[in-house]
C-alpha cells in the first residue's frame, strides 16, 4: 500500500490511457506531441511553461515529468524556480482579482 494516492510509478503508464479509447488517445498524443515541437517558442521555453503550469494546476506527475525534462534540457535550478514564481504570481493574482467581485457584491448588499 502506498503512503499517498500519488504513485510516481504511474507516470510511466501515461501512454496506457489510450487502452480504453484508442482513437481519442491517439488524437490526444498526436496533439500533445505537436504542441511540444519547435515553433515560435523553443522546446526549452515550452518545457519551462509546462513546468510552471504543472505547479499552477498542482499535478505531481507533470511536476516530475517537466522537472526531469528541464534538467535534461540544461535548464538551471534558478530558471525553474523563477518559472514557478511566475506561475505563483499569476495564480495569486487571479485569486486576488476576484476580490473585485467580492467588493462589488458586498457594496450591493451593504447599500
Protein backbone atom coordinates (compact mmCIF):
# COMPACT_ATOMS: atom_id res chain seq x y z
CA UNK A 1 0.00 0.00 0.00
CA UNK A 2 1.32 3.39 -0.97
CA UNK A 3 1.66 6.18 1.61
CA UNK A 4 -0.17 8.55 -0.72
CA UNK A 5 -2.68 8.43 -3.51
CA UNK A 6 0.01 9.59 -5.94
CA UNK A 7 2.34 6.81 -7.09
CA UNK A 8 5.26 8.05 -9.16
CA UNK A 9 5.40 4.69 -10.98
CA UNK A 10 2.07 5.58 -12.59
CA UNK A 11 3.72 8.34 -14.64
CA UNK A 12 5.30 5.64 -16.81
CA UNK A 13 1.78 4.34 -17.53
CA UNK A 14 0.60 7.62 -19.06
CA UNK A 15 0.61 6.11 -22.54
CA UNK A 16 -1.81 3.44 -21.31
CA UNK A 17 -4.68 5.95 -21.20
CA UNK A 18 -5.35 5.06 -24.83
CA UNK A 19 -6.25 1.47 -23.97
CA UNK A 20 -9.94 2.06 -23.38
CA UNK A 21 -10.34 4.64 -26.15
CA UNK A 22 -7.61 4.17 -28.70
CA UNK A 23 -8.95 6.64 -31.27
CA UNK A 24 -9.19 9.56 -28.84
CA UNK A 25 -5.95 8.60 -27.09
CA UNK A 26 -4.10 8.72 -30.40
CA UNK A 27 -5.59 12.11 -31.21
CA UNK A 28 -4.53 13.44 -27.82
CA UNK A 29 -0.96 12.13 -28.08
CA UNK A 30 -0.62 13.42 -31.66
CA UNK A 31 -1.75 16.84 -30.47
CA UNK A 32 0.41 16.69 -27.33
CA UNK A 33 3.48 15.81 -29.38
CA UNK A 34 2.78 18.61 -31.87
CA UNK A 35 2.42 21.17 -29.10
CA UNK A 36 5.94 20.49 -27.85
CA UNK A 37 7.63 20.65 -31.25
CA UNK A 38 9.91 23.57 -32.02
CA UNK A 39 7.87 26.51 -33.26
CA UNK A 40 7.59 30.20 -32.44
CA UNK A 41 8.62 29.05 -28.96
CA UNK A 42 11.64 26.84 -28.45
CA UNK A 43 11.31 23.38 -26.91
CA UNK A 44 13.17 24.78 -23.91
CA UNK A 45 10.68 27.63 -23.47
CA UNK A 46 7.78 25.21 -23.79
CA UNK A 47 9.29 23.00 -21.09
CA UNK A 48 9.53 25.97 -18.71
CA UNK A 49 5.92 26.90 -19.45
CA UNK A 50 4.84 23.31 -18.85
CA UNK A 51 6.77 23.22 -15.57
CA UNK A 52 5.11 26.42 -14.38
CA UNK A 53 1.64 25.24 -15.41
CA UNK A 54 2.26 21.88 -13.72
CA UNK A 55 2.76 23.72 -10.44
CA UNK A 56 -0.23 26.01 -11.01
CA UNK A 57 -2.54 23.02 -11.56
CA UNK A 58 -0.70 21.03 -8.87
CA UNK A 59 -0.15 17.89 -10.95
CA UNK A 60 2.57 15.79 -9.28
CA UNK A 61 3.02 13.66 -12.41
CA UNK A 62 3.55 16.77 -14.55
CA UNK A 63 5.89 18.31 -11.98
CA UNK A 64 8.04 15.16 -12.05
CA UNK A 65 7.94 14.91 -15.84
CA UNK A 66 8.77 18.55 -16.58
CA UNK A 67 11.37 18.82 -13.83
CA UNK A 68 13.12 15.87 -15.43
CA UNK A 69 12.71 17.37 -18.89
CA UNK A 70 14.07 20.69 -17.63
CA UNK A 71 17.18 19.04 -16.22
CA UNK A 72 17.71 17.12 -19.49
CA UNK A 73 17.47 20.38 -21.43
CA UNK A 74 20.03 22.08 -19.20
CA UNK A 75 17.57 24.44 -17.56
CA UNK A 76 19.06 25.70 -14.31
CA UNK A 77 17.50 25.45 -10.88
CA UNK A 78 17.26 29.24 -10.82
CA UNK A 79 15.33 29.28 -14.11
CA UNK A 80 12.99 26.52 -12.92
CA UNK A 81 12.29 28.37 -9.67
CA UNK A 82 11.75 31.65 -11.50
CA UNK A 83 9.20 29.94 -13.76
CA UNK A 84 7.46 28.60 -10.65
CA UNK A 85 7.34 32.09 -9.17
CA UNK A 86 5.74 33.40 -12.36
CA UNK A 87 3.05 30.73 -12.02
CA UNK A 88 2.59 31.55 -8.33
CA UNK A 89 2.24 35.27 -9.06
CA UNK A 90 -0.38 34.64 -11.74
CA UNK A 91 -2.26 32.18 -9.54
CA UNK A 92 -2.16 34.55 -6.59
CA UNK A 93 -3.17 37.50 -8.73
CA UNK A 94 -6.08 35.53 -10.16
CA UNK A 95 -7.32 34.88 -6.64
CA UNK A 96 -6.91 38.50 -5.62
CA UNK A 97 -8.58 39.98 -8.70
CA UNK A 98 -11.72 38.07 -7.74
CA UNK A 99 -11.74 40.34 -4.71
CA UNK A 100 -13.27 42.95 -7.02
CA UNK A 101 -16.27 40.64 -7.45
CA UNK A 102 -16.48 40.28 -3.65
CA UNK A 103 -16.26 44.04 -3.17
CA UNK A 104 -18.95 44.66 -5.80
CA UNK A 105 -21.28 42.13 -4.17
CA UNK A 106 -20.61 43.45 -0.67
CA UNK A 107 -21.29 47.02 -1.79
CA UNK A 108 -24.66 45.96 -3.24
CA UNK A 109 -25.59 44.08 -0.07
CA UNK A 110 -24.49 46.87 2.24
CA UNK A 111 -26.32 49.67 0.39
